[in-house]
Amino acid sequence: MKNGTTLTCAVCGHSAHWLGEHVTTHGLTVEAYVAAHGPVASDALAVALEVDAPARRHPDLTNIKVEFAGVRPRVNADVPAEACLPLPPAYRVPQYGALSMDIREAAVSLVRGRSMYVWGLPGSGKDALFHAWSALTRTPAMIFQVEPGADVRSWFFTHEFNKEGTYW
């Protein structure tokens, strides 16, 4: 039942613009109350929500960028996180010293799609750099450890057979 601009609960007489939570105190669902007694939102509330609510738009996922070592690479929003390397726990991009400059140069090379050879002492952050880059920019990646004597041809080529023999 309507009472001015508010609604009155048909069960107990409580008056409000929104009766949705109130009707649950009577053991009714909103759907059951609406079916038996009518609306749970006043006309004034409906008008206020239409006027005051900002129009919602889907975000533009084609131009999302992230800050990484002073570089702002684009995030590949269409790539699932499962295709990327995980972000190392508590990883922070170095901000000072020679290591920060090395990371920045690597980030610039990654943005420009250049090839790199990264080497250094164990534990110096070589893998962590690529893990963080992959996770933060949603760039698909795989890490291969190169050991002395390893046959890396299979990583880049396939071994084929034909009537003349085998070839890569």
N, C-alpha and C. Protein backbone atom coordinates (compact mmCIF):
# COMPACT_ATOMS: atom_id res chain seq x y z
N MET A 1 0.84 -1.19 0.00
CA MET A 1 0.00 0.00 0.00
C MET A 1 0.88 1.24 0.00
N LYS A 2 0.46 2.27 -0.68
CA LYS A 2 1.22 3.51 -0.74
C LYS A 2 0.75 4.45 0.36
N ASN A 3 1.70 5.15 0.96
CA ASN A 3 1.39 6.16 1.97
C ASN A 3 2.17 7.41 1.57
N GLY A 4 1.57 8.31 0.81
CA GLY A 4 2.27 9.49 0.31
C GLY A 4 3.32 9.04 -0.69
N THR A 5 4.59 9.36 -0.42
CA THR A 5 5.65 8.95 -1.33
C THR A 5 6.35 7.69 -0.84
N THR A 6 6.01 7.22 0.37
CA THR A 6 6.63 6.01 0.90
C THR A 6 5.67 4.84 0.75
N LEU A 7 6.19 3.64 0.98
CA LEU A 7 5.36 2.44 0.98
C LEU A 7 5.09 2.01 2.41
N THR A 8 3.95 1.38 2.64
CA THR A 8 3.60 0.87 3.96
C THR A 8 3.58 -0.64 3.90
N CYS A 9 4.25 -1.31 4.84
CA CYS A 9 4.29 -2.77 4.90
C CYS A 9 2.87 -3.29 5.15
N ALA A 10 2.43 -4.21 4.33
CA ALA A 10 1.08 -4.77 4.46
C ALA A 10 0.96 -5.68 5.67
N VAL A 11 2.08 -6.13 6.25
CA VAL A 11 2.03 -7.04 7.39
C VAL A 11 1.96 -6.29 8.71
N CYS A 12 2.80 -5.23 8.88
CA CYS A 12 2.87 -4.56 10.18
C CYS A 12 2.66 -3.05 10.13
N GLY A 13 2.59 -2.46 8.95
CA GLY A 13 2.36 -1.03 8.84
C GLY A 13 3.62 -0.17 8.82
N HIS A 14 4.80 -0.79 8.85
CA HIS A 14 6.07 -0.04 8.78
C HIS A 14 6.09 0.74 7.46
N SER A 15 6.60 1.98 7.50
CA SER A 15 6.60 2.83 6.32
C SER A 15 8.03 3.22 5.94
N ALA A 16 8.38 3.07 4.65
CA ALA A 16 9.72 3.42 4.15
C ALA A 16 9.68 3.46 2.63
N HIS A 17 10.75 4.03 2.04
CA HIS A 17 10.87 4.04 0.59
C HIS A 17 11.31 2.67 0.07
N TRP A 18 12.00 1.91 0.90
CA TRP A 18 12.48 0.57 0.53
C TRP A 18 12.12 -0.42 1.62
N LEU A 19 11.35 -1.44 1.27
CA LEU A 19 10.91 -2.45 2.24
C LEU A 19 11.63 -3.78 2.05
N GLY A 20 12.63 -3.83 1.18
CA GLY A 20 13.30 -5.09 0.84
C GLY A 20 13.84 -5.84 2.04
N GLU A 21 14.65 -5.17 2.88
CA GLU A 21 15.19 -5.85 4.06
C GLU A 21 14.13 -6.04 5.12
N HIS A 22 13.19 -5.11 5.23
CA HIS A 22 12.16 -5.17 6.27
C HIS A 22 11.27 -6.41 6.13
N VAL A 23 10.87 -6.76 4.92
CA VAL A 23 9.96 -7.90 4.77
C VAL A 23 10.60 -9.20 5.18
N THR A 24 11.94 -9.28 5.18
CA THR A 24 12.61 -10.51 5.63
C THR A 24 12.44 -10.73 7.12
N THR A 25 12.16 -9.67 7.89
CA THR A 25 11.90 -9.83 9.33
C THR A 25 10.58 -10.55 9.58
N HIS A 26 9.71 -10.60 8.59
CA HIS A 26 8.44 -11.32 8.70
C HIS A 26 8.55 -12.74 8.15
N GLY A 27 9.78 -13.15 7.79
CA GLY A 27 9.98 -14.49 7.25
C GLY A 27 9.60 -14.61 5.80
N LEU A 28 9.49 -13.48 5.11
CA LEU A 28 9.13 -13.48 3.70
C LEU A 28 10.35 -13.15 2.84
N THR A 29 10.40 -13.70 1.65
CA THR A 29 11.39 -13.26 0.69
C THR A 29 10.80 -12.05 -0.03
N VAL A 30 11.65 -11.27 -0.67
CA VAL A 30 11.16 -10.11 -1.43
C VAL A 30 10.21 -10.57 -2.52
N GLU A 31 10.56 -11.67 -3.19
CA GLU A 31 9.71 -12.18 -4.26
C GLU A 31 8.33 -12.57 -3.75
N ALA A 32 8.27 -13.25 -2.57
CA ALA A 32 6.98 -13.66 -2.00
C ALA A 32 6.15 -12.45 -1.60
N TYR A 33 6.79 -11.43 -1.02
CA TYR A 33 6.06 -10.22 -0.62
C TYR A 33 5.50 -9.50 -1.85
N VAL A 34 6.32 -9.36 -2.88
CA VAL A 34 5.88 -8.69 -4.11
C VAL A 34 4.70 -9.43 -4.73
N ALA A 35 4.76 -10.76 -4.74
CA ALA A 35 3.67 -11.55 -5.33
C ALA A 35 2.38 -11.38 -4.54
N ALA A 36 2.48 -11.27 -3.21
CA ALA A 36 1.28 -11.19 -2.36
C ALA A 36 0.78 -9.76 -2.16
N HIS A 37 1.71 -8.78 -2.05
CA HIS A 37 1.29 -7.45 -1.61
C HIS A 37 1.67 -6.30 -2.54
N GLY A 38 2.57 -6.50 -3.47
CA GLY A 38 2.96 -5.42 -4.37
C GLY A 38 4.41 -5.01 -4.20
N PRO A 39 4.78 -3.86 -4.73
CA PRO A 39 6.20 -3.45 -4.79
C PRO A 39 6.82 -3.19 -3.41
N VAL A 40 8.15 -3.29 -3.39
CA VAL A 40 8.90 -3.01 -2.16
C VAL A 40 9.71 -1.72 -2.29
N ALA A 41 9.70 -1.07 -3.46
CA ALA A 41 10.39 0.20 -3.69
C ALA A 41 9.37 1.24 -4.09
N SER A 42 9.45 2.42 -3.47
CA SER A 42 8.51 3.49 -3.79
C SER A 42 8.83 4.11 -5.15
N ASP A 43 7.84 4.79 -5.72
CA ASP A 43 8.07 5.47 -6.99
C ASP A 43 9.14 6.55 -6.84
N ALA A 44 9.13 7.24 -5.69
CA ALA A 44 10.12 8.30 -5.45
C ALA A 44 11.54 7.72 -5.43
N LEU A 45 11.70 6.54 -4.83
CA LEU A 45 13.01 5.90 -4.80
C LEU A 45 13.45 5.51 -6.21
N ALA A 46 12.55 4.96 -6.99
CA ALA A 46 12.89 4.57 -8.36
C ALA A 46 13.32 5.78 -9.18
N VAL A 47 12.60 6.90 -9.04
CA VAL A 47 12.97 8.12 -9.77
C VAL A 47 14.32 8.63 -9.30
N ALA A 48 14.55 8.63 -7.98
CA ALA A 48 15.83 9.12 -7.44
C ALA A 48 16.99 8.27 -7.94
N LEU A 49 16.81 6.95 -8.02
CA LEU A 49 17.89 6.08 -8.49
C LEU A 49 18.17 6.32 -9.97
N GLU A 50 17.15 6.57 -10.75
CA GLU A 50 17.36 6.83 -12.18
C GLU A 50 18.07 8.16 -12.41
N VAL A 51 17.75 9.17 -11.61
CA VAL A 51 18.31 10.51 -11.79
C VAL A 51 19.72 10.60 -11.21
N ASP A 52 19.92 10.07 -9.99
CA ASP A 52 21.18 10.26 -9.28
C ASP A 52 22.27 9.25 -9.66
N ALA A 53 21.87 8.10 -10.17
CA ALA A 53 22.86 7.08 -10.47
C ALA A 53 23.66 7.46 -11.72
N PRO A 54 24.98 7.44 -11.62
CA PRO A 54 25.79 7.75 -12.81
C PRO A 54 25.67 6.61 -13.82
N ALA A 55 25.75 6.96 -15.06
CA ALA A 55 25.71 5.95 -16.11
C ALA A 55 26.99 5.11 -16.02
N ARG A 56 26.85 3.81 -16.03
CA ARG A 56 28.01 2.94 -15.94
C ARG A 56 28.40 2.46 -17.32
N ARG A 57 29.69 2.49 -17.56
CA ARG A 57 30.22 2.02 -18.83
C ARG A 57 31.25 0.94 -18.55
N HIS A 58 31.43 0.08 -19.51
CA HIS A 58 32.49 -0.91 -19.40
C HIS A 58 33.83 -0.19 -19.55
N PRO A 59 34.82 -0.56 -18.75
CA PRO A 59 36.12 0.10 -18.90
C PRO A 59 36.78 -0.26 -20.23
N ASP A 60 37.60 0.65 -20.71
CA ASP A 60 38.36 0.42 -21.94
C ASP A 60 39.57 -0.43 -21.59
N LEU A 61 39.54 -1.70 -21.95
CA LEU A 61 40.62 -2.62 -21.60
C LEU A 61 41.75 -2.63 -22.62
N THR A 62 41.63 -1.82 -23.65
CA THR A 62 42.64 -1.83 -24.70
C THR A 62 43.81 -0.91 -24.40
N ASN A 63 43.69 -0.03 -23.40
CA ASN A 63 44.75 0.93 -23.15
C ASN A 63 45.13 0.99 -21.67
N ILE A 64 45.10 -0.15 -20.99
CA ILE A 64 45.52 -0.19 -19.59
C ILE A 64 47.05 -0.25 -19.56
N LYS A 65 47.65 0.57 -18.71
CA LYS A 65 49.11 0.58 -18.58
C LYS A 65 49.48 0.43 -17.12
N VAL A 66 50.70 -0.04 -16.88
CA VAL A 66 51.21 -0.24 -15.54
C VAL A 66 52.59 0.41 -15.46
N GLU A 67 52.94 0.89 -14.29
CA GLU A 67 54.27 1.49 -14.07
C GLU A 67 55.25 0.37 -13.73
N PHE A 68 56.36 0.30 -14.47
CA PHE A 68 57.37 -0.73 -14.23
C PHE A 68 58.74 -0.13 -14.52
N ALA A 69 59.50 0.13 -13.51
CA ALA A 69 60.88 0.64 -13.64
C ALA A 69 60.95 1.92 -14.47
N GLY A 70 60.00 2.80 -14.32
CA GLY A 70 59.99 4.05 -15.06
C GLY A 70 59.44 3.95 -16.46
N VAL A 71 58.96 2.78 -16.84
CA VAL A 71 58.39 2.54 -18.16
C VAL A 71 56.90 2.23 -17.95
N ARG A 72 56.06 2.63 -18.90
CA ARG A 72 54.61 2.38 -18.79
C ARG A 72 54.15 1.44 -19.91
N PRO A 73 54.39 0.13 -19.73
CA PRO A 73 53.97 -0.82 -20.76
C PRO A 73 52.46 -1.06 -20.72
N ARG A 74 51.94 -1.47 -21.87
CA ARG A 74 50.52 -1.79 -21.98
C ARG A 74 50.27 -3.15 -21.35
N VAL A 75 49.13 -3.30 -20.67
CA VAL A 75 48.73 -4.57 -20.07
C VAL A 75 47.88 -5.32 -21.09
N ASN A 76 48.20 -6.57 -21.31
CA ASN A 76 47.44 -7.42 -22.23
C ASN A 76 46.23 -7.99 -21.48
N ALA A 77 45.17 -7.21 -21.40
CA ALA A 77 44.01 -7.59 -20.59
C ALA A 77 43.31 -8.84 -21.10
N ASP A 78 43.52 -9.20 -22.35
CA ASP A 78 42.86 -10.38 -22.90
C ASP A 78 43.63 -11.67 -22.64
N VAL A 79 44.79 -11.60 -22.00
CA VAL A 79 45.60 -12.78 -21.69
C VAL A 79 45.25 -13.26 -20.28
N PRO A 80 44.88 -14.52 -20.13
CA PRO A 80 44.56 -15.02 -18.79
C PRO A 80 45.81 -15.13 -17.92
N ALA A 81 45.64 -14.96 -16.63
CA ALA A 81 46.77 -15.01 -15.70
C ALA A 81 47.47 -16.37 -15.73
N GLU A 82 46.74 -17.44 -16.07
CA GLU A 82 47.32 -18.78 -16.10
C GLU A 82 48.39 -18.90 -17.18
N ALA A 83 48.36 -18.06 -18.21
CA ALA A 83 49.34 -18.11 -19.29
C ALA A 83 50.61 -17.35 -18.95
N CYS A 84 50.61 -16.68 -17.80
CA CYS A 84 51.75 -15.83 -17.41
C CYS A 84 52.51 -16.47 -16.27
N LEU A 85 53.72 -16.01 -16.07
CA LEU A 85 54.52 -16.45 -14.93
C LEU A 85 53.97 -15.80 -13.66
N PRO A 86 54.06 -16.47 -12.52
CA PRO A 86 53.54 -15.87 -11.28
C PRO A 86 54.43 -14.74 -10.77
N LEU A 87 53.80 -13.76 -10.12
CA LEU A 87 54.54 -12.66 -9.51
C LEU A 87 55.28 -13.20 -8.29
N PRO A 88 56.59 -12.96 -8.19
CA PRO A 88 57.32 -13.43 -7.01
C PRO A 88 56.76 -12.79 -5.74
N PRO A 89 56.70 -13.53 -4.65
CA PRO A 89 56.17 -12.97 -3.40
C PRO A 89 56.97 -11.74 -2.97
N ALA A 90 56.27 -10.68 -2.62
CA ALA A 90 56.86 -9.44 -2.10
C ALA A 90 57.86 -8.81 -3.07
N TYR A 91 57.72 -9.03 -4.36
CA TYR A 91 58.66 -8.46 -5.33
C TYR A 91 58.46 -6.95 -5.43
N ARG A 92 59.57 -6.23 -5.43
CA ARG A 92 59.55 -4.78 -5.64
C ARG A 92 60.59 -4.45 -6.70
N VAL A 93 60.22 -3.61 -7.64
CA VAL A 93 61.15 -3.19 -8.69
C VAL A 93 62.19 -2.29 -8.04
N PRO A 94 63.50 -2.59 -8.22
CA PRO A 94 64.54 -1.74 -7.64
C PRO A 94 64.40 -0.30 -8.14
N GLN A 95 64.56 0.67 -7.24
CA GLN A 95 64.38 2.07 -7.59
C GLN A 95 65.66 2.88 -7.53
N TYR A 96 66.71 2.34 -6.92
CA TYR A 96 67.95 3.10 -6.76
C TYR A 96 69.14 2.24 -7.15
N GLY A 97 70.21 2.88 -7.56
CA GLY A 97 71.46 2.20 -7.82
C GLY A 97 71.57 1.58 -9.20
N ALA A 98 72.66 0.86 -9.38
CA ALA A 98 72.97 0.27 -10.68
C ALA A 98 71.93 -0.77 -11.09
N LEU A 99 71.43 -1.54 -10.11
CA LEU A 99 70.44 -2.56 -10.44
C LEU A 99 69.16 -1.93 -11.00
N SER A 100 68.76 -0.79 -10.46
CA SER A 100 67.55 -0.13 -10.96
C SER A 100 67.73 0.31 -12.41
N MET A 101 68.94 0.75 -12.76
CA MET A 101 69.21 1.14 -14.15
C MET A 101 69.20 -0.08 -15.08
N ASP A 102 69.74 -1.20 -14.59
CA ASP A 102 69.73 -2.42 -15.38
C ASP A 102 68.29 -2.89 -15.63
N ILE A 103 67.46 -2.83 -14.60
CA ILE A 103 66.06 -3.24 -14.73
C ILE A 103 65.32 -2.31 -15.69
N ARG A 104 65.62 -1.01 -15.60
CA ARG A 104 64.98 -0.06 -16.52
C ARG A 104 65.37 -0.33 -17.97
N GLU A 105 66.65 -0.60 -18.21
CA GLU A 105 67.10 -0.92 -19.57
C GLU A 105 66.43 -2.19 -20.08
N ALA A 106 66.29 -3.18 -19.21
CA ALA A 106 65.61 -4.42 -19.61
C ALA A 106 64.14 -4.14 -19.92
N ALA A 107 63.49 -3.30 -19.11
CA ALA A 107 62.09 -2.96 -19.35
C ALA A 107 61.91 -2.23 -20.68
N VAL A 108 62.82 -1.32 -20.98
CA VAL A 108 62.75 -0.62 -22.26
C VAL A 108 62.90 -1.61 -23.41
N SER A 109 63.82 -2.56 -23.28
CA SER A 109 64.00 -3.57 -24.32
C SER A 109 62.76 -4.45 -24.46
N LEU A 110 62.13 -4.78 -23.34
CA LEU A 110 60.91 -5.59 -23.39
C LEU A 110 59.77 -4.84 -24.07
N VAL A 111 59.63 -3.54 -23.78
CA VAL A 111 58.58 -2.74 -24.41
C VAL A 111 58.81 -2.68 -25.91
N ARG A 112 60.05 -2.55 -26.32
CA ARG A 112 60.37 -2.42 -27.74
C ARG A 112 60.47 -3.76 -28.46
N GLY A 113 60.30 -4.86 -27.74
CA GLY A 113 60.33 -6.19 -28.36
C GLY A 113 61.71 -6.64 -28.79
N ARG A 114 62.73 -6.16 -28.11
CA ARG A 114 64.11 -6.50 -28.47
C ARG A 114 64.55 -7.77 -27.76
N SER A 115 65.49 -8.45 -28.36
CA SER A 115 66.07 -9.65 -27.74
C SER A 115 67.08 -9.22 -26.68
N MET A 116 67.22 -10.07 -25.66
CA MET A 116 68.15 -9.77 -24.57
C MET A 116 68.87 -11.03 -24.15
N TYR A 117 70.07 -10.86 -23.67
CA TYR A 117 70.78 -11.93 -23.00
C TYR A 117 71.04 -11.43 -21.59
N VAL A 118 70.45 -12.09 -20.61
CA VAL A 118 70.58 -11.66 -19.21
C VAL A 118 71.42 -12.69 -18.48
N TRP A 119 72.45 -12.22 -17.80
CA TRP A 119 73.30 -13.11 -17.04
C TRP A 119 73.67 -12.45 -15.73
N GLY A 120 74.05 -13.25 -14.76
CA GLY A 120 74.46 -12.72 -13.47
C GLY A 120 74.57 -13.82 -12.44
N LEU A 121 74.94 -13.43 -11.25
CA LEU A 121 75.10 -14.38 -10.16
C LEU A 121 73.75 -14.97 -9.75
N PRO A 122 73.77 -16.18 -9.20
CA PRO A 122 72.53 -16.77 -8.72
C PRO A 122 71.90 -15.86 -7.64
N GLY A 123 70.59 -15.71 -7.71
CA GLY A 123 69.89 -14.91 -6.71
C GLY A 123 69.92 -13.41 -6.95
N SER A 124 70.41 -12.99 -8.11
CA SER A 124 70.49 -11.55 -8.37
C SER A 124 69.21 -10.97 -8.97
N GLY A 125 68.20 -11.80 -9.22
CA GLY A 125 66.91 -11.29 -9.66
C GLY A 125 66.63 -11.44 -11.14
N LYS A 126 67.40 -12.25 -11.84
CA LYS A 126 67.19 -12.41 -13.29
C LYS A 126 65.81 -13.00 -13.57
N ASP A 127 65.50 -14.13 -12.95
CA ASP A 127 64.19 -14.76 -13.16
C ASP A 127 63.07 -13.89 -12.60
N ALA A 128 63.30 -13.25 -11.46
CA ALA A 128 62.26 -12.43 -10.82
C ALA A 128 61.83 -11.29 -11.73
N LEU A 129 62.78 -10.72 -12.47
CA LEU A 129 62.45 -9.64 -13.42
C LEU A 129 61.41 -10.12 -14.42
N PHE A 130 61.66 -11.27 -15.04
CA PHE A 130 60.75 -11.76 -16.08
C PHE A 130 59.44 -12.28 -15.49
N HIS A 131 59.50 -12.84 -14.30
CA HIS A 131 58.26 -13.25 -13.63
C HIS A 131 57.39 -12.02 -13.36
N ALA A 132 57.98 -10.97 -12.82
CA ALA A 132 57.22 -9.75 -12.51
C ALA A 132 56.69 -9.11 -13.78
N TRP A 133 57.51 -9.04 -14.82
CA TRP A 133 57.07 -8.44 -16.09
C TRP A 133 55.87 -9.22 -16.64
N SER A 134 55.98 -10.53 -16.66
CA SER A 134 54.92 -11.36 -17.21
C SER A 134 53.63 -11.20 -16.41
N ALA A 135 53.73 -11.24 -15.08
CA ALA A 135 52.54 -11.15 -14.24
C ALA A 135 51.89 -9.77 -14.30
N LEU A 136 52.68 -8.71 -14.26
CA LEU A 136 52.12 -7.35 -14.21
C LEU A 136 51.60 -6.86 -15.55
N THR A 137 52.20 -7.33 -16.64
CA THR A 137 51.76 -6.87 -17.97
C THR A 137 50.90 -7.90 -18.69
N ARG A 138 50.66 -9.04 -18.02
CA ARG A 138 49.90 -10.14 -18.61
C ARG A 138 50.50 -10.58 -19.94
N THR A 139 51.82 -10.75 -19.93
CA THR A 139 52.53 -11.22 -21.11
C THR A 139 52.80 -12.71 -20.94
N PRO A 140 52.30 -13.55 -21.84
CA PRO A 140 52.56 -14.99 -21.71
C PRO A 140 54.06 -15.26 -21.75
N ALA A 141 54.52 -16.17 -20.91
CA ALA A 141 55.95 -16.45 -20.86
C ALA A 141 56.22 -17.85 -20.33
N MET A 142 57.40 -18.35 -20.68
CA MET A 142 57.91 -19.60 -20.15
C MET A 142 59.39 -19.37 -19.85
N ILE A 143 59.89 -19.99 -18.79
CA ILE A 143 61.30 -19.87 -18.41
C ILE A 143 61.98 -21.21 -18.67
N PHE A 144 63.12 -21.17 -19.35
CA PHE A 144 63.94 -22.36 -19.58
C PHE A 144 65.30 -22.11 -18.97
N GLN A 145 65.79 -23.06 -18.19
CA GLN A 145 67.12 -22.96 -17.62
C GLN A 145 68.11 -23.57 -18.61
N VAL A 146 69.11 -22.82 -19.01
CA VAL A 146 70.13 -23.32 -19.93
C VAL A 146 71.28 -23.86 -19.10
N GLU A 147 71.55 -25.13 -19.28
CA GLU A 147 72.65 -25.78 -18.58
C GLU A 147 73.73 -26.15 -19.59
N PRO A 148 74.96 -26.20 -19.17
CA PRO A 148 76.02 -26.59 -20.11
C PRO A 148 75.72 -27.94 -20.75
N GLY A 149 75.85 -27.99 -22.08
CA GLY A 149 75.62 -29.23 -22.81
C GLY A 149 74.16 -29.50 -23.14
N ALA A 150 73.24 -28.62 -22.76
CA ALA A 150 71.82 -28.83 -23.04
C ALA A 150 71.55 -28.65 -24.53
N ASP A 151 70.67 -29.49 -25.08
CA ASP A 151 70.28 -29.37 -26.48
C ASP A 151 69.05 -28.46 -26.54
N VAL A 152 69.25 -27.20 -26.91
CA VAL A 152 68.16 -26.22 -26.91
C VAL A 152 67.45 -26.14 -28.26
N ARG A 153 67.91 -26.92 -29.24
CA ARG A 153 67.26 -26.87 -30.56
C ARG A 153 65.78 -27.22 -30.47
N SER A 154 65.40 -28.15 -29.60
CA SER A 154 64.01 -28.56 -29.51
C SER A 154 63.11 -27.45 -28.96
N TRP A 155 63.70 -26.44 -28.29
CA TRP A 155 62.90 -25.32 -27.80
C TRP A 155 62.47 -24.41 -28.94
N PHE A 156 63.25 -24.39 -30.01
CA PHE A 156 63.00 -23.46 -31.10
C PHE A 156 62.57 -24.14 -32.40
N PHE A 157 62.93 -25.41 -32.55
CA PHE A 157 62.67 -26.11 -33.80
C PHE A 157 62.00 -27.45 -33.51
N THR A 158 61.48 -28.09 -34.54
CA THR A 158 60.93 -29.43 -34.40
C THR A 158 61.79 -30.39 -35.19
N HIS A 159 61.89 -31.61 -34.70
CA HIS A 159 62.68 -32.64 -35.36
C HIS A 159 61.76 -33.37 -36.32
N GLU A 160 62.09 -33.35 -37.61
CA GLU A 160 61.23 -33.94 -38.64
C GLU A 160 61.96 -35.08 -39.35
N PHE A 161 61.16 -35.96 -39.94
CA PHE A 161 61.68 -37.07 -40.72
C PHE A 161 61.14 -36.95 -42.14
N ASN A 162 61.96 -37.31 -43.11
CA ASN A 162 61.50 -37.44 -44.49
C ASN A 162 62.30 -38.54 -45.16
N LYS A 163 62.13 -38.74 -46.46
CA LYS A 163 62.80 -39.85 -47.16
C LYS A 163 64.31 -39.69 -47.22
N GLU A 164 64.80 -38.45 -47.00
CA GLU A 164 66.22 -38.21 -47.04
C GLU A 164 66.89 -38.32 -45.67
N GLY A 165 66.08 -38.43 -44.61
CA GLY A 165 66.65 -38.55 -43.27
C GLY A 165 65.91 -37.66 -42.29
N THR A 166 66.63 -37.22 -41.26
CA THR A 166 66.02 -36.36 -40.24
C THR A 166 66.57 -34.95 -40.36
N TYR A 167 65.81 -34.01 -39.92
CA TYR A 167 66.28 -32.61 -39.94
C TYR A 167 65.53 -31.82 -38.88
N TRP A 168 66.08 -30.66 -38.54
CA TRP A 168 65.44 -29.77 -37.55
C TRP A 168 64.68 -28.71 -38.30
